[in-house]
């Protein structure tokens, strides 16, 4: 089953790019996603993915 979610998120105007990426990383971790580099590119995947990270 596929769900389409549409939502709007606002962050402070004075937030730096690094702070924004930190928040996104924390939110992704809470959702069960992990970030890693593969072939020089940043990738995202579910933490229960069969692929080793």
PDB file of N, CA and C in Angstrom:
ATOM      1  N   UNK A   1       0.847  -1.159   0.000  1.00  0.00           N
ATOM      2  CA  UNK A   1       0.000   0.000   0.000  1.00  0.00           C
ATOM      3  C   UNK A   1       0.908   1.242   0.000  1.00  0.00           C
ATOM      4  N   UNK A   2       0.554   2.218  -0.761  1.00  0.00           N
ATOM      5  CA  UNK A   2       1.344   3.440  -0.889  1.00  0.00           C
ATOM      6  C   UNK A   2       0.554   4.618  -0.350  1.00  0.00           C
ATOM      7  N   UNK A   3       1.194   5.417   0.470  1.00  0.00           N
ATOM      8  CA  UNK A   3       0.559   6.608   1.032  1.00  0.00           C
ATOM      9  C   UNK A   3       1.272   7.850   0.524  1.00  0.00           C
ATOM     10  N   UNK A   4       0.523   8.876   0.227  1.00  0.00           N
ATOM     11  CA  UNK A   4       1.092  10.167  -0.166  1.00  0.00           C
ATOM     12  C   UNK A   4       0.889  11.132   0.991  1.00  0.00           C
ATOM     13  N   UNK A   5       1.992  11.672   1.507  1.00  0.00           N
ATOM     14  CA  UNK A   5       1.924  12.641   2.594  1.00  0.00           C
ATOM     15  C   UNK A   5       2.328  14.002   2.063  1.00  0.00           C
ATOM     16  N   UNK A   6       1.568  14.996   2.399  1.00  0.00           N
ATOM     17  CA  UNK A   6       1.874  16.363   1.997  1.00  0.00           C
ATOM     18  C   UNK A   6       1.862  17.217   3.254  1.00  0.00           C
ATOM     19  N   UNK A   7       2.995  17.809   3.578  1.00  0.00           N
ATOM     20  CA  UNK A   7       3.063  18.615   4.782  1.00  0.00           C
ATOM     21  C   UNK A   7       3.994  19.797   4.568  1.00  0.00           C
ATOM     22  N   UNK A   8       3.903  20.749   5.469  1.00  0.00           N
ATOM     23  CA  UNK A   8       4.678  21.978   5.390  1.00  0.00           C
ATOM     24  C   UNK A   8       5.453  22.141   6.694  1.00  0.00           C
ATOM     25  N   UNK A   9       6.750  22.396   6.587  1.00  0.00           N
ATOM     26  CA  UNK A   9       7.598  22.577   7.764  1.00  0.00           C
ATOM     27  C   UNK A   9       8.276  23.932   7.656  1.00  0.00           C
ATOM     28  N   UNK A  10       8.315  24.664   8.751  1.00  0.00           N
ATOM     29  CA  UNK A  10       8.991  25.958   8.770  1.00  0.00           C
ATOM     30  C   UNK A  10      10.141  25.919   9.767  1.00  0.00           C
ATOM     31  N   UNK A  11      11.268  26.478   9.358  1.00  0.00           N
ATOM     32  CA  UNK A  11      12.439  26.598  10.209  1.00  0.00           C
ATOM     33  C   UNK A  11      12.771  28.083  10.345  1.00  0.00           C
ATOM     34  N   UNK A  12      13.473  28.468  11.405  1.00  0.00           N
ATOM     35  CA  UNK A  12      13.807  29.880  11.598  1.00  0.00           C
ATOM     36  C   UNK A  12      14.640  30.430  10.431  1.00  0.00           C
ATOM     37  N   UNK A  13      14.412  31.694  10.097  1.00  0.00           N
ATOM     38  CA  UNK A  13      15.156  32.338   9.010  1.00  0.00           C
ATOM     39  C   UNK A  13      16.647  32.447   9.306  1.00  0.00           C
ATOM     40  N   UNK A  14      17.000  32.550  10.574  1.00  0.00           N
ATOM     41  CA  UNK A  14      18.407  32.735  10.921  1.00  0.00           C
ATOM     42  C   UNK A  14      19.159  31.418  11.107  1.00  0.00           C
ATOM     43  N   UNK A  15      18.542  30.293  10.777  1.00  0.00           N
ATOM     44  CA  UNK A  15      19.182  28.993  10.911  1.00  0.00           C
ATOM     45  C   UNK A  15      20.254  28.829   9.828  1.00  0.00           C
ATOM     46  N   UNK A  16      21.435  28.360  10.233  1.00  0.00           N
ATOM     47  CA  UNK A  16      22.505  28.129   9.266  1.00  0.00           C
ATOM     48  C   UNK A  16      22.250  26.828   8.512  1.00  0.00           C
ATOM     49  N   UNK A  17      22.951  26.661   7.416  1.00  0.00           N
ATOM     50  CA  UNK A  17      22.801  25.441   6.624  1.00  0.00           C
ATOM     51  C   UNK A  17      23.210  24.227   7.458  1.00  0.00           C
ATOM     52  N   UNK A  18      24.279  24.340   8.224  1.00  0.00           N
ATOM     53  CA  UNK A  18      24.729  23.221   9.056  1.00  0.00           C
ATOM     54  C   UNK A  18      23.686  22.864  10.107  1.00  0.00           C
ATOM     55  N   UNK A  19      23.062  23.870  10.718  1.00  0.00           N
ATOM     56  CA  UNK A  19      22.008  23.610  11.703  1.00  0.00           C
ATOM     57  C   UNK A  19      20.817  22.912  11.052  1.00  0.00           C
ATOM     58  N   UNK A  20      20.461  23.344   9.844  1.00  0.00           N
ATOM     59  CA  UNK A  20      19.358  22.712   9.128  1.00  0.00           C
ATOM     60  C   UNK A  20      19.659  21.253   8.835  1.00  0.00           C
ATOM     61  N   UNK A  21      20.870  20.968   8.347  1.00  0.00           N
ATOM     62  CA  UNK A  21      21.244  19.586   8.054  1.00  0.00           C
ATOM     63  C   UNK A  21      21.278  18.737   9.323  1.00  0.00           C
ATOM     64  N   UNK A  22      21.687  19.336  10.434  1.00  0.00           N
ATOM     65  CA  UNK A  22      21.693  18.611  11.704  1.00  0.00           C
ATOM     66  C   UNK A  22      20.276  18.235  12.112  1.00  0.00           C
ATOM     67  N   UNK A  23      19.345  19.177  11.979  1.00  0.00           N
ATOM     68  CA  UNK A  23      17.938  18.899  12.297  1.00  0.00           C
ATOM     69  C   UNK A  23      17.404  17.802  11.379  1.00  0.00           C
ATOM     70  N   UNK A  24      17.683  17.908  10.079  1.00  0.00           N
ATOM     71  CA  UNK A  24      17.218  16.887   9.134  1.00  0.00           C
ATOM     72  C   UNK A  24      17.782  15.516   9.485  1.00  0.00           C
ATOM     73  N   UNK A  25      19.046  15.468   9.876  1.00  0.00           N
ATOM     74  CA  UNK A  25      19.659  14.198  10.245  1.00  0.00           C
ATOM     75  C   UNK A  25      18.979  13.597  11.471  1.00  0.00           C
ATOM     76  N   UNK A  26      18.709  14.439  12.471  1.00  0.00           N
ATOM     77  CA  UNK A  26      18.018  13.959  13.677  1.00  0.00           C
ATOM     78  C   UNK A  26      16.612  13.467  13.347  1.00  0.00           C
ATOM     79  N   UNK A  27      15.915  14.193  12.469  1.00  0.00           N
ATOM     80  CA  UNK A  27      14.566  13.784  12.084  1.00  0.00           C
ATOM     81  C   UNK A  27      14.599  12.480  11.289  1.00  0.00           C
ATOM     82  N   UNK A  28      15.584  12.346  10.416  1.00  0.00           N
ATOM     83  CA  UNK A  28      15.705  11.111   9.633  1.00  0.00           C
ATOM     84  C   UNK A  28      16.015   9.925  10.538  1.00  0.00           C
ATOM     85  N   UNK A  29      16.884  10.118  11.511  1.00  0.00           N
ATOM     86  CA  UNK A  29      17.200   9.039  12.452  1.00  0.00           C
ATOM     87  C   UNK A  29      15.968   8.628  13.245  1.00  0.00           C
ATOM     88  N   UNK A  30      15.170   9.603  13.656  1.00  0.00           N
ATOM     89  CA  UNK A  30      13.945   9.296  14.395  1.00  0.00           C
ATOM     90  C   UNK A  30      12.957   8.512  13.532  1.00  0.00           C
ATOM     91  N   UNK A  31      12.995   8.741  12.219  1.00  0.00           N
ATOM     92  CA  UNK A  31      12.102   8.039  11.296  1.00  0.00           C
ATOM     93  C   UNK A  31      12.679   6.698  10.858  1.00  0.00           C
ATOM     94  N   UNK A  32      13.894   6.376  11.290  1.00  0.00           N
ATOM     95  CA  UNK A  32      14.495   5.092  10.951  1.00  0.00           C
ATOM     96  C   UNK A  32      15.341   5.114   9.696  1.00  0.00           C
ATOM     97  N   UNK A  33      15.731   6.296   9.217  1.00  0.00           N
ATOM     98  CA  UNK A  33      16.594   6.398   8.046  1.00  0.00           C
ATOM     99  C   UNK A  33      18.024   6.655   8.482  1.00  0.00           C
ATOM    100  N   UNK A  34      18.957   6.184   7.681  1.00  0.00           N
ATOM    101  CA  UNK A  34      20.369   6.461   7.930  1.00  0.00           C
ATOM    102  C   UNK A  34      20.975   7.049   6.668  1.00  0.00           C
ATOM    103  N   UNK A  35      22.006   7.859   6.845  1.00  0.00           N
ATOM    104  CA  UNK A  35      22.706   8.460   5.720  1.00  0.00           C
ATOM    105  C   UNK A  35      24.104   7.890   5.655  1.00  0.00           C
ATOM    106  N   UNK A  36      24.572   7.636   4.441  1.00  0.00           N
ATOM    107  CA  UNK A  36      25.923   7.139   4.246  1.00  0.00           C
ATOM    108  C   UNK A  36      26.410   7.592   2.876  1.00  0.00           C
ATOM    109  N   UNK A  37      27.706   7.428   2.663  1.00  0.00           N
ATOM    110  CA  UNK A  37      28.257   7.783   1.362  1.00  0.00           C
ATOM    111  C   UNK A  37      28.505   6.507   0.575  1.00  0.00           C
ATOM    112  N   UNK A  38      28.124   6.549  -0.694  1.00  0.00           N
ATOM    113  CA  UNK A  38      28.304   5.401  -1.577  1.00  0.00           C
ATOM    114  C   UNK A  38      28.753   5.938  -2.926  1.00  0.00           C
ATOM    115  N   UNK A  39      29.891   5.496  -3.378  1.00  0.00           N
ATOM    116  CA  UNK A  39      30.445   5.965  -4.651  1.00  0.00           C
ATOM    117  C   UNK A  39      30.566   7.485  -4.693  1.00  0.00           C
ATOM    118  N   UNK A  40      30.933   8.084  -3.568  1.00  0.00           N
ATOM    119  CA  UNK A  40      31.133   9.522  -3.517  1.00  0.00           C
ATOM    120  C   UNK A  40      29.870  10.342  -3.390  1.00  0.00           C
ATOM    121  N   UNK A  41      28.697   9.705  -3.327  1.00  0.00           N
ATOM    122  CA  UNK A  41      27.433  10.429  -3.209  1.00  0.00           C
ATOM    123  C   UNK A  41      26.785  10.104  -1.879  1.00  0.00           C
ATOM    124  N   UNK A  42      26.124  11.088  -1.302  1.00  0.00           N
ATOM    125  CA  UNK A  42      25.393  10.839  -0.057  1.00  0.00           C
ATOM    126  C   UNK A  42      24.091  10.125  -0.390  1.00  0.00           C
ATOM    127  N   UNK A  43      23.776   9.082   0.363  1.00  0.00           N
ATOM    128  CA  UNK A  43      22.590   8.265   0.116  1.00  0.00           C
ATOM    129  C   UNK A  43      21.785   8.164   1.413  1.00  0.00           C
ATOM    130  N   UNK A  44      20.525   7.919   1.256  1.00  0.00           N
ATOM    131  CA  UNK A  44      19.650   7.691   2.414  1.00  0.00           C
ATOM    132  C   UNK A  44      18.943   6.367   2.219  1.00  0.00           C
ATOM    133  N   UNK A  45      18.752   5.649   3.300  1.00  0.00           N
ATOM    134  CA  UNK A  45      18.048   4.384   3.219  1.00  0.00           C
ATOM    135  C   UNK A  45      17.480   4.002   4.565  1.00  0.00           C
ATOM    136  N   UNK A  46      16.557   3.071   4.532  1.00  0.00           N
ATOM    137  CA  UNK A  46      15.965   2.600   5.774  1.00  0.00           C
ATOM    138  C   UNK A  46      17.032   1.856   6.562  1.00  0.00           C
ATOM    139  N   UNK A  47      17.004   1.995   7.866  1.00  0.00           N
ATOM    140  CA  UNK A  47      18.016   1.357   8.706  1.00  0.00           C
ATOM    141  C   UNK A  47      17.861  -0.157   8.701  1.00  0.00           C
ATOM    142  N   UNK A  48      16.701  -0.666   8.325  1.00  0.00           N
ATOM    143  CA  UNK A  48      16.505  -2.107   8.259  1.00  0.00           C
ATOM    144  C   UNK A  48      16.754  -2.653   6.860  1.00  0.00           C
ATOM    145  N   UNK A  49      17.435  -1.847   6.040  1.00  0.00           N
ATOM    146  CA  UNK A  49      17.760  -2.259   4.676  1.00  0.00           C
ATOM    147  C   UNK A  49      18.720  -3.444   4.704  1.00  0.00           C
ATOM    148  N   UNK A  50      18.576  -4.398   3.778  1.00  0.00           N
ATOM    149  CA  UNK A  50      19.482  -5.546   3.767  1.00  0.00           C
ATOM    150  C   UNK A  50      20.908  -5.161   3.360  1.00  0.00           C
ATOM    151  N   UNK A  51      21.067  -3.987   2.741  1.00  0.00           N
ATOM    152  CA  UNK A  51      22.395  -3.544   2.321  1.00  0.00           C
ATOM    153  C   UNK A  51      23.190  -3.091   3.539  1.00  0.00           C
ATOM    154  N   UNK A  52      24.442  -3.522   3.629  1.00  0.00           N
ATOM    155  CA  UNK A  52      25.312  -3.105   4.722  1.00  0.00           C
ATOM    156  C   UNK A  52      25.724  -1.664   4.512  1.00  0.00           C
ATOM    157  N   UNK A  53      25.721  -0.905   5.581  1.00  0.00           N
ATOM    158  CA  UNK A  53      26.109   0.513   5.505  1.00  0.00           C
ATOM    159  C   UNK A  53      27.480   0.667   6.101  1.00  0.00           C
TER     160      UNK A  53
END
